[in-house]
Amino acid sequence: MTERPSLSPREARDRYLAHRQTDAADASIKSFRYRLKHFVEWAEERDITAMRELTGWKLDEYETFRRGSDVSPATLNGEMQTLKNWLEYLARIDVVDEDLPEKVHVPTIPDGEESNDEMLEPEAAKKLLRAMRSDPTHYGTVKHALLELLWFTGCRVGAARSLDLRDYHSGERFVTFHHREGTPLKNDSDGERAVGLPEAVCEVLDYYIEHHRESSHDDHGRKPLFTTTQGRASENTARVWTYLATQPCLHGPCPHGKERETCSYLHIHSASKCPSSLSPHRIRTGSITWQRDCGLPAEVVSERVNATLEVIEKHYDQATKRQRLEERRRPYINNLELDLEADS
């Protein structure tokens, strides 16, 4: 019996993408690459050097890992379906066992769960930002600076960590997101954009850079905006910062009956366990809803946050139908009035 070809996860991914070039649009190829990169990185971190090493057990471990990474049901569904399609191709060319694709569990999306409506509510965001801006112990810290940026731009956490110091333009009050080696944007070069910032946000960022930013470089010799003593902050580190920055005890009593001075949730390793702390995705959802409620046209918000109008409507904008009427469409009602007196 001929021995199976030995392809590493990365080699197998690249071969599959090259194969799909003939029948899939560029946007689809980008989507496949993004969905599969999580598996490739996961496999490499666990020293899986050949795809033929995969088993049903390992596939289940990967699904469990992704479920714990704060992804929506729709995202997990898409990722696991792409993984299954990839393995079907690899089985056809004898890289993996022919029955391996059937061991991939593709979760269904329950009705009403295409999006998760949990978000950082605008009122809660205002309280958090007000508390940080008024407290010298929090003002301009990396947690504060990151929360300000995430809330006022609505960007993804990966985009926030991709920022270099040179991408922040204090005088002109905007940041520019660039797709670069080592810090890719979700939509590659299509995600590149400039996003304006309010003056108060720039004041926080300026203070952070002058007083709290660690002076360090990343592996590519660039100066990141958000840093640790080791260099550019990882996505996981940035995520922990948001958990710490969104704890309600920053601006009021703990809703869970704990004392802040002794609460274990304040530790970086357990911040995500706080029942009220929120991930960057929840901040993004709240920000997009808030920007729309502030009167920004959907097209403008779409460009600022790098998401299509359809995606914003379905997955992010959590305003109720009544809110949409009162806060967004009501101002236009006056334009529909008829001056019948003038025609009499």
C-alpha atoms as a PDB file:
ATOM      1  CA  MET A   1       0.000   0.000   0.000  1.00  0.00           C
ATOM      2  CA  THR A   2       1.374   3.404  -0.979  1.00  0.00           C
ATOM      3  CA  GLU A   3       2.214   5.625   1.985  1.00  0.00           C
ATOM      4  CA  ARG A   4       0.088   8.736   2.329  1.00  0.00           C
ATOM      5  CA  PRO A   5       1.694  12.028   1.250  1.00  0.00           C
ATOM      6  CA  SER A   6       3.001  13.914   4.262  1.00  0.00           C
ATOM      7  CA  LEU A   7       1.843  17.526   4.197  1.00  0.00           C
ATOM      8  CA  SER A   8       2.143  19.919   7.096  1.00  0.00           C
ATOM      9  CA  PRO A   9      -1.010  21.842   8.035  1.00  0.00           C
ATOM     10  CA  ARG A  10       0.380  24.962   6.386  1.00  0.00           C
ATOM     11  CA  GLU A  11       1.381  23.118   3.206  1.00  0.00           C
ATOM     12  CA  ALA A  12      -2.015  21.425   3.029  1.00  0.00           C
ATOM     13  CA  ARG A  13      -3.775  24.754   3.524  1.00  0.00           C
ATOM     14  CA  ASP A  14      -1.774  26.395   0.733  1.00  0.00           C
ATOM     15  CA  ARG A  15      -2.395  23.481  -1.638  1.00  0.00           C
ATOM     16  CA  TYR A  16      -6.140  23.655  -0.990  1.00  0.00           C
ATOM     17  CA  LEU A  17      -6.265  27.412  -1.578  1.00  0.00           C
ATOM     18  CA  ALA A  18      -4.321  27.014  -4.822  1.00  0.00           C
ATOM     19  CA  HIS A  19      -6.807  24.332  -5.892  1.00  0.00           C
ATOM     20  CA  ARG A  20      -9.784  26.588  -5.127  1.00  0.00           C
ATOM     21  CA  GLN A  21      -8.346  29.475  -7.159  1.00  0.00           C
ATOM     22  CA  THR A  22      -9.952  27.997 -10.262  1.00  0.00           C
ATOM     23  CA  ASP A  23     -13.526  27.935  -8.955  1.00  0.00           C
ATOM     24  CA  ALA A  24     -13.782  30.524  -6.182  1.00  0.00           C
ATOM     25  CA  ALA A  25     -13.756  34.316  -6.129  1.00  0.00           C
ATOM     26  CA  ASP A  26     -10.858  36.206  -4.571  1.00  0.00           C
ATOM     27  CA  ALA A  27     -13.064  37.252  -1.669  1.00  0.00           C
ATOM     28  CA  SER A  28     -13.927  33.602  -1.000  1.00  0.00           C
ATOM     29  CA  ILE A  29     -10.262  32.606  -1.081  1.00  0.00           C
ATOM     30  CA  LYS A  30      -9.520  35.299   1.488  1.00  0.00           C
ATOM     31  CA  SER A  31     -12.327  33.988   3.647  1.00  0.00           C
ATOM     32  CA  PHE A  32     -11.047  30.393   3.392  1.00  0.00           C
ATOM     33  CA  ARG A  33      -7.528  31.537   4.294  1.00  0.00           C
ATOM     34  CA  TYR A  34      -8.748  33.470   7.309  1.00  0.00           C
ATOM     35  CA  ARG A  35     -10.915  30.614   8.568  1.00  0.00           C
ATOM     36  CA  LEU A  36      -8.193  28.003   8.153  1.00  0.00           C
ATOM     37  CA  LYS A  37      -5.395  30.080   9.663  1.00  0.00           C
ATOM     38  CA  HIS A  38      -6.862  29.439  13.119  1.00  0.00           C
ATOM     39  CA  PHE A  39      -6.568  25.692  12.603  1.00  0.00           C
ATOM     40  CA  VAL A  40      -3.066  25.927  11.145  1.00  0.00           C
ATOM     41  CA  GLU A  41      -1.829  28.016  14.070  1.00  0.00           C
ATOM     42  CA  TRP A  42      -3.560  25.719  16.560  1.00  0.00           C
ATOM     43  CA  ALA A  43      -1.973  22.632  14.968  1.00  0.00           C
ATOM     44  CA  GLU A  44       1.499  24.164  14.852  1.00  0.00           C
ATOM     45  CA  GLU A  45       1.301  25.168  18.508  1.00  0.00           C
ATOM     46  CA  ARG A  46       0.578  21.511  19.324  1.00  0.00           C
ATOM     47  CA  ASP A  47       3.417  20.174  17.161  1.00  0.00           C
ATOM     48  CA  ILE A  48       1.116  18.517  14.642  1.00  0.00           C
ATOM     49  CA  THR A  49       3.595  18.313  11.779  1.00  0.00           C
ATOM     50  CA  ALA A  50       1.585  16.226   9.309  1.00  0.00           C
ATOM     51  CA  MET A  51      -2.091  16.240   8.425  1.00  0.00           C
ATOM     52  CA  ARG A  52      -2.157  12.433   8.518  1.00  0.00           C
ATOM     53  CA  GLU A  53      -1.740  12.691  12.303  1.00  0.00           C
ATOM     54  CA  LEU A  54      -5.245  14.117  12.662  1.00  0.00           C
ATOM     55  CA  THR A  55      -7.923  12.080  14.411  1.00  0.00           C
ATOM     56  CA  GLY A  56     -11.520  12.621  15.399  1.00  0.00           C
ATOM     57  CA  TRP A  57     -10.312  13.341  18.920  1.00  0.00           C
ATOM     58  CA  LYS A  58      -8.001  16.118  17.755  1.00  0.00           C
ATOM     59  CA  LEU A  59     -10.738  17.644  15.616  1.00  0.00           C
ATOM     60  CA  ASP A  60     -13.019  17.686  18.650  1.00  0.00           C
ATOM     61  CA  GLU A  61     -10.258  19.325  20.699  1.00  0.00           C
ATOM     62  CA  TYR A  62      -9.950  22.028  18.049  1.00  0.00           C
ATOM     63  CA  GLU A  63     -13.682  22.712  18.032  1.00  0.00           C
ATOM     64  CA  THR A  64     -13.607  22.985  21.831  1.00  0.00           C
ATOM     65  CA  PHE A  65     -10.691  25.409  21.562  1.00  0.00           C
ATOM     66  CA  ARG A  66     -12.552  27.635  19.103  1.00  0.00           C
ATOM     67  CA  ARG A  67     -15.717  27.565  21.205  1.00  0.00           C
ATOM     68  CA  GLY A  68     -13.651  28.994  24.047  1.00  0.00           C
ATOM     69  CA  SER A  69     -12.296  31.806  21.869  1.00  0.00           C
ATOM     70  CA  ASP A  70     -15.376  34.031  22.043  1.00  0.00           C
ATOM     71  CA  VAL A  71     -16.650  33.354  18.523  1.00  0.00           C
ATOM     72  CA  SER A  72     -20.302  33.639  17.560  1.00  0.00           C
ATOM     73  CA  PRO A  73     -22.334  30.556  16.551  1.00  0.00           C
ATOM     74  CA  ALA A  74     -22.337  31.808  12.964  1.00  0.00           C
ATOM     75  CA  THR A  75     -18.552  32.220  12.935  1.00  0.00           C
ATOM     76  CA  LEU A  76     -17.941  28.760  14.393  1.00  0.00           C
ATOM     77  CA  ASN A  77     -20.365  27.245  11.892  1.00  0.00           C
ATOM     78  CA  GLY A  78     -18.505  28.851   8.989  1.00  0.00           C
ATOM     79  CA  GLU A  79     -15.081  27.860  10.278  1.00  0.00           C
ATOM     80  CA  MET A  80     -15.984  24.216  10.882  1.00  0.00           C
ATOM     81  CA  GLN A  81     -17.730  23.918   7.499  1.00  0.00           C
ATOM     82  CA  THR A  82     -14.626  25.265   5.765  1.00  0.00           C
ATOM     83  CA  LEU A  83     -12.474  22.837   7.764  1.00  0.00           C
ATOM     84  CA  LYS A  84     -14.684  19.958   6.645  1.00  0.00           C
ATOM     85  CA  ASN A  85     -14.521  21.037   2.989  1.00  0.00           C
ATOM     86  CA  TRP A  86     -10.739  21.251   3.259  1.00  0.00           C
ATOM     87  CA  LEU A  87     -10.457  17.763   4.726  1.00  0.00           C
ATOM     88  CA  GLU A  88     -12.753  16.391   2.011  1.00  0.00           C
ATOM     89  CA  TYR A  89     -10.289  17.687  -0.570  1.00  0.00           C
ATOM     90  CA  LEU A  90      -7.343  16.210   1.343  1.00  0.00           C
ATOM     91  CA  ALA A  91      -9.128  12.862   1.639  1.00  0.00           C
ATOM     92  CA  ARG A  92      -9.704  12.835  -2.114  1.00  0.00           C
ATOM     93  CA  ILE A  93      -5.962  13.183  -2.759  1.00  0.00           C
ATOM     94  CA  ASP A  94      -5.130  10.605  -0.052  1.00  0.00           C
ATOM     95  CA  VAL A  95      -3.504  12.986   2.430  1.00  0.00           C
ATOM     96  CA  VAL A  96      -5.913  12.018   5.242  1.00  0.00           C
ATOM     97  CA  ASP A  97      -8.201   9.057   5.910  1.00  0.00           C
ATOM     98  CA  GLU A  98     -11.293   9.084   3.733  1.00  0.00           C
ATOM     99  CA  ASP A  99     -13.594   9.020   6.754  1.00  0.00           C
ATOM    100  CA  LEU A 100     -11.883  11.905   8.579  1.00  0.00           C
ATOM    101  CA  PRO A 101     -14.075  14.678   7.080  1.00  0.00           C
ATOM    102  CA  GLU A 102     -17.165  12.995   8.529  1.00  0.00           C
ATOM    103  CA  LYS A 103     -15.660  13.383  12.004  1.00  0.00           C
ATOM    104  CA  VAL A 104     -15.821  17.170  11.766  1.00  0.00           C
ATOM    105  CA  HIS A 105     -18.775  18.477  13.737  1.00  0.00           C
ATOM    106  CA  VAL A 106     -20.370  21.473  12.029  1.00  0.00           C
ATOM    107  CA  PRO A 107     -22.590  23.124  14.660  1.00  0.00           C
ATOM    108  CA  THR A 108     -25.965  24.411  13.579  1.00  0.00           C
ATOM    109  CA  ILE A 109     -26.998  28.007  14.159  1.00  0.00           C
ATOM    110  CA  PRO A 110     -30.094  28.112  16.379  1.00  0.00           C
ATOM    111  CA  ASP A 111     -32.881  30.396  15.233  1.00  0.00           C
ATOM    112  CA  GLY A 112     -32.228  33.900  16.426  1.00  0.00           C
ATOM    113  CA  GLU A 113     -28.565  33.233  17.189  1.00  0.00           C
ATOM    114  CA  GLU A 114     -27.054  34.394  13.929  1.00  0.00           C
ATOM    115  CA  SER A 115     -25.745  37.196  16.115  1.00  0.00           C
ATOM    116  CA  ASN A 116     -25.145  37.596  19.817  1.00  0.00           C
ATOM    117  CA  ASP A 117     -26.993  40.580  21.227  1.00  0.00           C
ATOM    118  CA  GLU A 118     -24.725  40.933  24.248  1.00  0.00           C
ATOM    119  CA  MET A 119     -22.814  44.178  23.942  1.00  0.00           C
ATOM    120  CA  LEU A 120     -21.294  47.020  25.901  1.00  0.00           C
ATOM    121  CA  GLU A 121     -24.306  49.248  26.332  1.00  0.00           C
ATOM    122  CA  PRO A 122     -23.718  52.937  25.487  1.00  0.00           C
ATOM    123  CA  GLU A 123     -24.678  54.056  28.994  1.00  0.00           C
ATOM    124  CA  ALA A 124     -22.275  51.549  30.535  1.00  0.00           C
ATOM    125  CA  ALA A 125     -19.538  52.679  28.138  1.00  0.00           C
ATOM    126  CA  LYS A 126     -20.085  56.293  29.155  1.00  0.00           C
ATOM    127  CA  LYS A 127     -19.811  55.380  32.840  1.00  0.00           C
ATOM    128  CA  LEU A 128     -16.609  53.411  32.274  1.00  0.00           C
ATOM    129  CA  LEU A 129     -14.985  56.131  30.183  1.00  0.00           C
ATOM    130  CA  ARG A 130     -16.096  58.854  32.583  1.00  0.00           C
ATOM    131  CA  ALA A 131     -14.646  56.918  35.526  1.00  0.00           C
ATOM    132  CA  MET A 132     -11.312  56.357  33.780  1.00  0.00           C
ATOM    133  CA  ARG A 133     -11.029  59.921  32.550  1.00  0.00           C
ATOM    134  CA  SER A 134     -11.657  61.297  36.044  1.00  0.00           C
ATOM    135  CA  ASP A 135      -9.422  58.886  37.986  1.00  0.00           C
ATOM    136  CA  PRO A 136      -5.666  59.642  37.848  1.00  0.00           C
ATOM    137  CA  THR A 137      -4.840  56.009  38.641  1.00  0.00           C
ATOM    138  CA  HIS A 138      -6.618  54.835  35.484  1.00  0.00           C
ATOM    139  CA  TYR A 139      -6.248  57.804  33.137  1.00  0.00           C
ATOM    140  CA  GLY A 140      -4.065  57.050  30.148  1.00  0.00           C
ATOM    141  CA  THR A 141      -3.221  53.486  31.159  1.00  0.00           C
ATOM    142  CA  VAL A 142      -3.024  50.936  28.383  1.00  0.00           C
ATOM    143  CA  LYS A 143      -6.423  49.509  29.405  1.00  0.00           C
ATOM    144  CA  HIS A 144      -7.972  52.975  29.250  1.00  0.00           C
ATOM    145  CA  ALA A 145      -6.326  53.891  25.944  1.00  0.00           C
ATOM    146  CA  LEU A 146      -7.397  50.634  24.322  1.00  0.00           C
ATOM    147  CA  LEU A 147     -10.995  50.973  25.518  1.00  0.00           C
ATOM    148  CA  GLU A 148     -11.185  54.530  24.160  1.00  0.00           C
ATOM    149  CA  LEU A 149      -9.870  53.408  20.779  1.00  0.00           C
ATOM    150  CA  LEU A 150     -12.119  50.347  20.537  1.00  0.00           C
ATOM    151  CA  TRP A 151     -15.226  52.276  21.523  1.00  0.00           C
ATOM    152  CA  PHE A 152     -14.736  55.321  19.329  1.00  0.00           C
ATOM    153  CA  THR A 153     -13.540  53.433  16.225  1.00  0.00           C
ATOM    154  CA  GLY A 154     -15.470  50.167  16.548  1.00  0.00           C
ATOM    155  CA  CYS A 155     -12.410  48.342  15.234  1.00  0.00           C
ATOM    156  CA  ARG A 156     -11.581  44.686  15.794  1.00  0.00           C
ATOM    157  CA  VAL A 157      -9.028  43.860  18.472  1.00  0.00           C
ATOM    158  CA  GLY A 158      -6.676  42.518  15.786  1.00  0.00           C
ATOM    159  CA  ALA A 159      -6.811  45.865  14.025  1.00  0.00           C
ATOM    160  CA  ALA A 160      -6.099  47.697  17.279  1.00  0.00           C
ATOM    161  CA  ARG A 161      -2.997  45.636  18.015  1.00  0.00           C
ATOM    162  CA  SER A 162      -1.808  46.072  14.424  1.00  0.00           C
ATOM    163  CA  LEU A 163      -1.396  49.814  14.910  1.00  0.00           C
ATOM    164  CA  ASP A 164       2.113  51.207  14.921  1.00  0.00           C
ATOM    165  CA  LEU A 165       3.034  54.407  16.699  1.00  0.00           C
ATOM    166  CA  ARG A 166       3.327  56.086  13.289  1.00  0.00           C
ATOM    167  CA  ASP A 167      -0.290  55.141  12.490  1.00  0.00           C
ATOM    168  CA  TYR A 168      -1.617  57.484  15.154  1.00  0.00           C
ATOM    169  CA  HIS A 169      -1.829  61.081  13.951  1.00  0.00           C
ATOM    170  CA  SER A 170      -2.368  63.178  17.054  1.00  0.00           C
ATOM    171  CA  GLY A 171      -2.494  66.607  15.427  1.00  0.00           C
ATOM    172  CA  GLU A 172      -4.932  65.565  12.714  1.00  0.00           C
ATOM    173  CA  ARG A 173      -6.854  63.332  15.151  1.00  0.00           C
ATOM    174  CA  PHE A 174      -7.084  60.037  13.271  1.00  0.00           C
ATOM    175  CA  VAL A 175      -5.553  56.571  13.044  1.00  0.00           C
ATOM    176  CA  THR A 176      -4.717  54.589   9.932  1.00  0.00           C
ATOM    177  CA  PHE A 177      -5.073  50.820   9.783  1.00  0.00           C
ATOM    178  CA  HIS A 178      -2.597  49.006   7.515  1.00  0.00           C
ATOM    179  CA  HIS A 179      -2.302  45.368   6.438  1.00  0.00           C
ATOM    180  CA  ARG A 180       1.338  44.508   7.164  1.00  0.00           C
ATOM    181  CA  GLU A 181       3.546  41.479   7.692  1.00  0.00           C
ATOM    182  CA  GLY A 182       3.015  40.117  11.166  1.00  0.00           C
ATOM    183  CA  THR A 183      -0.080  42.251  11.780  1.00  0.00           C
ATOM    184  CA  PRO A 184      -2.636  41.288   9.130  1.00  0.00           C
ATOM    185  CA  LEU A 185      -6.075  42.837   8.999  1.00  0.00           C
ATOM    186  CA  LYS A 186      -9.087  40.546   8.735  1.00  0.00           C
ATOM    187  CA  ASN A 187      -9.925  41.706   5.214  1.00  0.00           C
ATOM    188  CA  ASP A 188      -6.294  42.123   4.165  1.00  0.00           C
ATOM    189  CA  SER A 189      -5.644  45.304   2.175  1.00  0.00           C
ATOM    190  CA  ASP A 190      -9.398  45.861   1.882  1.00  0.00           C
ATOM    191  CA  GLY A 191      -9.346  46.578   5.606  1.00  0.00           C
ATOM    192  CA  GLU A 192      -6.956  49.510   5.271  1.00  0.00           C
ATOM    193  CA  ARG A 193      -8.580  52.802   6.208  1.00  0.00           C
ATOM    194  CA  ALA A 194      -8.284  56.054   8.144  1.00  0.00           C
ATOM    195  CA  VAL A 195     -10.646  56.617  11.067  1.00  0.00           C
ATOM    196  CA  GLY A 196     -11.182  59.954  12.782  1.00  0.00           C
ATOM    197  CA  LEU A 197     -11.069  60.403  16.565  1.00  0.00           C
ATOM    198  CA  PRO A 198     -12.612  62.955  18.951  1.00  0.00           C
ATOM    199  CA  GLU A 199     -10.225  65.369  20.656  1.00  0.00           C
ATOM    200  CA  ALA A 200     -10.755  63.850  24.115  1.00  0.00           C
ATOM    201  CA  VAL A 201      -9.748  60.411  22.823  1.00  0.00           C
ATOM    202  CA  CYS A 202      -6.545  61.837  21.376  1.00  0.00           C
ATOM    203  CA  GLU A 203      -5.753  63.451  24.708  1.00  0.00           C
ATOM    204  CA  VAL A 204      -5.979  60.030  26.346  1.00  0.00           C
ATOM    205  CA  LEU A 205      -3.800  58.424  23.670  1.00  0.00           C
ATOM    206  CA  ASP A 206      -1.250  61.230  23.934  1.00  0.00           C
ATOM    207  CA  TYR A 207      -1.040  60.771  27.704  1.00  0.00           C
ATOM    208  CA  TYR A 208      -0.738  56.996  27.323  1.00  0.00           C
ATOM    209  CA  ILE A 209       2.117  57.347  24.835  1.00  0.00           C
ATOM    210  CA  GLU A 210       3.995  59.844  26.996  1.00  0.00           C
ATOM    211  CA  HIS A 211       3.499  58.216  30.395  1.00  0.00           C
ATOM    212  CA  HIS A 212       2.482  54.557  30.103  1.00  0.00           C
ATOM    213  CA  ARG A 213       3.535  53.087  26.769  1.00  0.00           C
ATOM    214  CA  GLU A 214       6.404  50.606  27.019  1.00  0.00           C
ATOM    215  CA  SER A 215       9.166  51.697  24.648  1.00  0.00           C
ATOM    216  CA  SER A 216       9.680  48.512  22.668  1.00  0.00           C
ATOM    217  CA  HIS A 217       9.795  47.105  19.137  1.00  0.00           C
ATOM    218  CA  ASP A 218       8.134  44.066  17.594  1.00  0.00           C
ATOM    219  CA  ASP A 219       9.796  41.205  15.724  1.00  0.00           C
ATOM    220  CA  HIS A 220       9.713  43.234  12.509  1.00  0.00           C
ATOM    221  CA  GLY A 221      11.544  46.219  13.979  1.00  0.00           C
ATOM    222  CA  ARG A 222       8.410  48.361  14.128  1.00  0.00           C
ATOM    223  CA  LYS A 223       7.170  50.448  17.045  1.00  0.00           C
ATOM    224  CA  PRO A 224       3.706  49.226  18.091  1.00  0.00           C
ATOM    225  CA  LEU A 225       1.160  51.577  19.604  1.00  0.00           C
ATOM    226  CA  PHE A 226       0.041  49.051  22.208  1.00  0.00           C
ATOM    227  CA  THR A 227       3.007  47.381  23.850  1.00  0.00           C
ATOM    228  CA  THR A 228       4.224  45.180  26.664  1.00  0.00           C
ATOM    229  CA  THR A 229       7.794  44.889  27.920  1.00  0.00           C
ATOM    230  CA  GLN A 230       8.257  42.093  25.347  1.00  0.00           C
ATOM    231  CA  GLY A 231       7.056  44.105  22.354  1.00  0.00           C
ATOM    232  CA  ARG A 232       3.732  44.257  20.540  1.00  0.00           C
ATOM    233  CA  ALA A 233       0.779  43.142  22.632  1.00  0.00           C
ATOM    234  CA  SER A 234      -0.766  39.861  21.509  1.00  0.00           C
ATOM    235  CA  GLU A 235      -4.469  39.604  20.753  1.00  0.00           C
ATOM    236  CA  ASN A 236      -4.939  37.596  23.924  1.00  0.00           C
ATOM    237  CA  THR A 237      -3.218  40.268  26.017  1.00  0.00           C
ATOM    238  CA  ALA A 238      -5.368  42.978  24.440  1.00  0.00           C
ATOM    239  CA  ARG A 239      -8.435  40.869  25.132  1.00  0.00           C
ATOM    240  CA  VAL A 240      -7.479  40.597  28.816  1.00  0.00           C
ATOM    241  CA  TRP A 241      -7.079  44.385  28.954  1.00  0.00           C
ATOM    242  CA  THR A 242     -10.643  44.798  27.718  1.00  0.00           C
ATOM    243  CA  TYR A 243     -11.958  42.363  30.310  1.00  0.00           C
ATOM    244  CA  LEU A 244     -10.279  44.446  33.010  1.00  0.00           C
ATOM    245  CA  ALA A 245     -11.435  47.743  31.486  1.00  0.00           C
ATOM    246  CA  THR A 246     -15.109  46.759  31.328  1.00  0.00           C
ATOM    247  CA  GLN A 247     -15.595  45.574  34.897  1.00  0.00           C
ATOM    248  CA  PRO A 248     -18.491  47.633  36.335  1.00  0.00           C
ATOM    249  CA  CYS A 249     -16.791  48.029  39.721  1.00  0.00           C
ATOM    250  CA  LEU A 250     -14.657  50.700  38.040  1.00  0.00           C
ATOM    251  CA  HIS A 251     -17.569  53.117  38.275  1.00  0.00           C
ATOM    252  CA  GLY A 252     -19.855  51.676  40.953  1.00  0.00           C
ATOM    253  CA  PRO A 253     -20.524  48.855  43.397  1.00  0.00           C
ATOM    254  CA  CYS A 254     -19.935  45.300  42.244  1.00  0.00           C
ATOM    255  CA  PRO A 255     -23.210  43.790  40.971  1.00  0.00           C
ATOM    256  CA  HIS A 256     -21.983  40.398  42.189  1.00  0.00           C
ATOM    257  CA  GLY A 257     -21.473  41.371  45.823  1.00  0.00           C
ATOM    258  CA  LYS A 258     -17.669  41.302  45.783  1.00  0.00           C
ATOM    259  CA  GLU A 259     -15.199  43.796  47.246  1.00  0.00           C
ATOM    260  CA  ARG A 260     -12.876  45.240  44.609  1.00  0.00           C
ATOM    261  CA  GLU A 261      -9.877  45.149  46.959  1.00  0.00           C
ATOM    262  CA  THR A 262     -10.117  41.372  47.379  1.00  0.00           C
ATOM    263  CA  CYS A 263     -11.773  40.302  44.109  1.00  0.00           C
ATOM    264  CA  SER A 264      -9.822  37.657  42.197  1.00  0.00           C
ATOM    265  CA  TYR A 265     -11.350  38.839  38.905  1.00  0.00           C
ATOM    266  CA  LEU A 266      -8.964  41.806  38.933  1.00  0.00           C
ATOM    267  CA  HIS A 267      -6.076  39.441  38.211  1.00  0.00           C
ATOM    268  CA  ILE A 268      -5.087  39.108  34.563  1.00  0.00           C
ATOM    269  CA  HIS A 269      -5.497  35.330  34.619  1.00  0.00           C
ATOM    270  CA  SER A 270      -9.091  35.439  35.853  1.00  0.00           C
ATOM    271  CA  ALA A 271     -10.398  38.745  34.445  1.00  0.00           C
ATOM    272  CA  SER A 272     -12.434  36.926  31.800  1.00  0.00           C
ATOM    273  CA  LYS A 273     -14.302  35.037  34.532  1.00  0.00           C
ATOM    274  CA  CYS A 274     -15.940  38.205  35.826  1.00  0.00           C
ATOM    275  CA  PRO A 275     -19.611  37.771  34.857  1.00  0.00           C
ATOM    276  CA  SER A 276     -19.851  41.420  33.822  1.00  0.00           C
ATOM    277  CA  SER A 277     -16.582  41.889  31.928  1.00  0.00           C
ATOM    278  CA  LEU A 278     -16.843  42.046  28.149  1.00  0.00           C
ATOM    279  CA  SER A 279     -14.680  40.965  25.245  1.00  0.00           C
ATOM    280  CA  PRO A 280     -13.524  43.230  22.384  1.00  0.00           C
ATOM    281  CA  HIS A 281     -16.266  41.784  20.176  1.00  0.00           C
ATOM    282  CA  ARG A 282     -18.944  43.012  22.605  1.00  0.00           C
ATOM    283  CA  ILE A 283     -17.327  46.441  22.658  1.00  0.00           C
ATOM    284  CA  ARG A 284     -17.358  46.490  18.855  1.00  0.00           C
ATOM    285  CA  THR A 285     -21.040  45.516  18.787  1.00  0.00           C
ATOM    286  CA  GLY A 286     -21.929  48.269  21.255  1.00  0.00           C
ATOM    287  CA  SER A 287     -19.824  50.830  19.426  1.00  0.00           C
ATOM    288  CA  ILE A 288     -21.434  50.133  16.057  1.00  0.00           C
ATOM    289  CA  THR A 289     -24.926  50.387  17.530  1.00  0.00           C
ATOM    290  CA  TRP A 290     -23.972  53.608  19.333  1.00  0.00           C
ATOM    291  CA  GLN A 291     -22.403  55.181  16.222  1.00  0.00           C
ATOM    292  CA  ARG A 292     -25.594  54.515  14.294  1.00  0.00           C
ATOM    293  CA  ASP A 293     -27.687  55.956  17.138  1.00  0.00           C
ATOM    294  CA  CYS A 294     -25.478  59.071  17.088  1.00  0.00           C
ATOM    295  CA  GLY A 295     -26.691  59.705  13.552  1.00  0.00           C
ATOM    296  CA  LEU A 296     -23.733  58.456  11.536  1.00  0.00           C
ATOM    297  CA  PRO A 297     -25.013  57.104   8.208  1.00  0.00           C
ATOM    298  CA  ALA A 298     -24.751  53.351   7.806  1.00  0.00           C
ATOM    299  CA  GLU A 299     -22.307  53.806   4.918  1.00  0.00           C
ATOM    300  CA  VAL A 300     -19.986  55.899   7.091  1.00  0.00           C
ATOM    301  CA  VAL A 301     -20.075  53.391   9.943  1.00  0.00           C
ATOM    302  CA  SER A 302     -19.412  50.606   7.436  1.00  0.00           C
ATOM    303  CA  GLU A 303     -16.205  52.299   6.313  1.00  0.00           C
ATOM    304  CA  ARG A 304     -15.094  53.154   9.851  1.00  0.00           C
ATOM    305  CA  VAL A 305     -15.473  49.621  11.193  1.00  0.00           C
ATOM    306  CA  ASN A 306     -14.620  47.754   7.961  1.00  0.00           C
ATOM    307  CA  ALA A 307     -17.795  45.696   7.687  1.00  0.00           C
ATOM    308  CA  THR A 308     -20.452  45.485   4.998  1.00  0.00           C
ATOM    309  CA  LEU A 309     -23.873  47.006   5.527  1.00  0.00           C
ATOM    310  CA  GLU A 310     -25.388  43.515   5.547  1.00  0.00           C
ATOM    311  CA  VAL A 311     -22.983  42.268   8.222  1.00  0.00           C
ATOM    312  CA  ILE A 312     -23.575  45.345  10.365  1.00  0.00           C
ATOM    313  CA  GLU A 313     -27.340  44.939  10.149  1.00  0.00           C
ATOM    314  CA  LYS A 314     -27.295  41.223  10.909  1.00  0.00           C
ATOM    315  CA  HIS A 315     -24.485  40.762  13.414  1.00  0.00           C
ATOM    316  CA  TYR A 316     -23.649  44.066  15.066  1.00  0.00           C
ATOM    317  CA  ASP A 317     -26.344  46.715  15.093  1.00  0.00           C
ATOM    318  CA  GLN A 318     -28.449  45.759  18.115  1.00  0.00           C
ATOM    319  CA  ALA A 319     -30.849  48.706  18.158  1.00  0.00           C
ATOM    320  CA  THR A 320     -34.486  47.716  18.579  1.00  0.00           C
ATOM    321  CA  LYS A 321     -37.081  48.554  15.942  1.00  0.00           C
ATOM    322  CA  ARG A 322     -38.437  51.314  18.196  1.00  0.00           C
ATOM    323  CA  GLN A 323     -34.937  52.744  18.704  1.00  0.00           C
ATOM    324  CA  ARG A 324     -34.389  52.800  14.971  1.00  0.00           C
ATOM    325  CA  LEU A 325     -37.597  54.761  14.548  1.00  0.00           C
ATOM    326  CA  GLU A 326     -37.116  57.268  17.356  1.00  0.00           C
ATOM    327  CA  GLU A 327     -33.384  57.901  17.084  1.00  0.00           C
ATOM    328  CA  ARG A 328     -32.676  57.399  13.399  1.00  0.00           C
ATOM    329  CA  ARG A 329     -35.759  57.827  11.249  1.00  0.00           C
ATOM    330  CA  ARG A 330     -37.918  60.207  13.282  1.00  0.00           C
ATOM    331  CA  PRO A 331     -35.836  63.292  12.279  1.00  0.00           C
ATOM    332  CA  TYR A 332     -36.696  62.596   8.652  1.00  0.00           C
ATOM    333  CA  ILE A 333     -40.446  62.434   9.264  1.00  0.00           C
ATOM    334  CA  ASN A 334     -40.724  66.221   9.059  1.00  0.00           C
ATOM    335  CA  ASN A 335     -39.560  65.980   5.467  1.00  0.00           C
ATOM    336  CA  LEU A 336     -42.724  64.025   4.682  1.00  0.00           C
ATOM    337  CA  GLU A 337     -45.109  66.723   5.880  1.00  0.00           C
ATOM    338  CA  LEU A 338     -47.420  68.197   3.227  1.00  0.00           C
ATOM    339  CA  ASP A 339     -48.235  71.900   3.324  1.00  0.00           C
ATOM    340  CA  LEU A 340     -51.842  71.520   2.204  1.00  0.00           C
ATOM    341  CA  GLU A 341     -52.719  75.066   3.212  1.00  0.00           C
ATOM    342  CA  ALA A 342     -50.454  76.500   0.534  1.00  0.00           C
ATOM    343  CA  ASP A 343     -52.365  74.699  -2.212  1.00  0.00           C
ATOM    344  CA  SER A 344     -55.855  75.790  -1.099  1.00  0.00           C
END
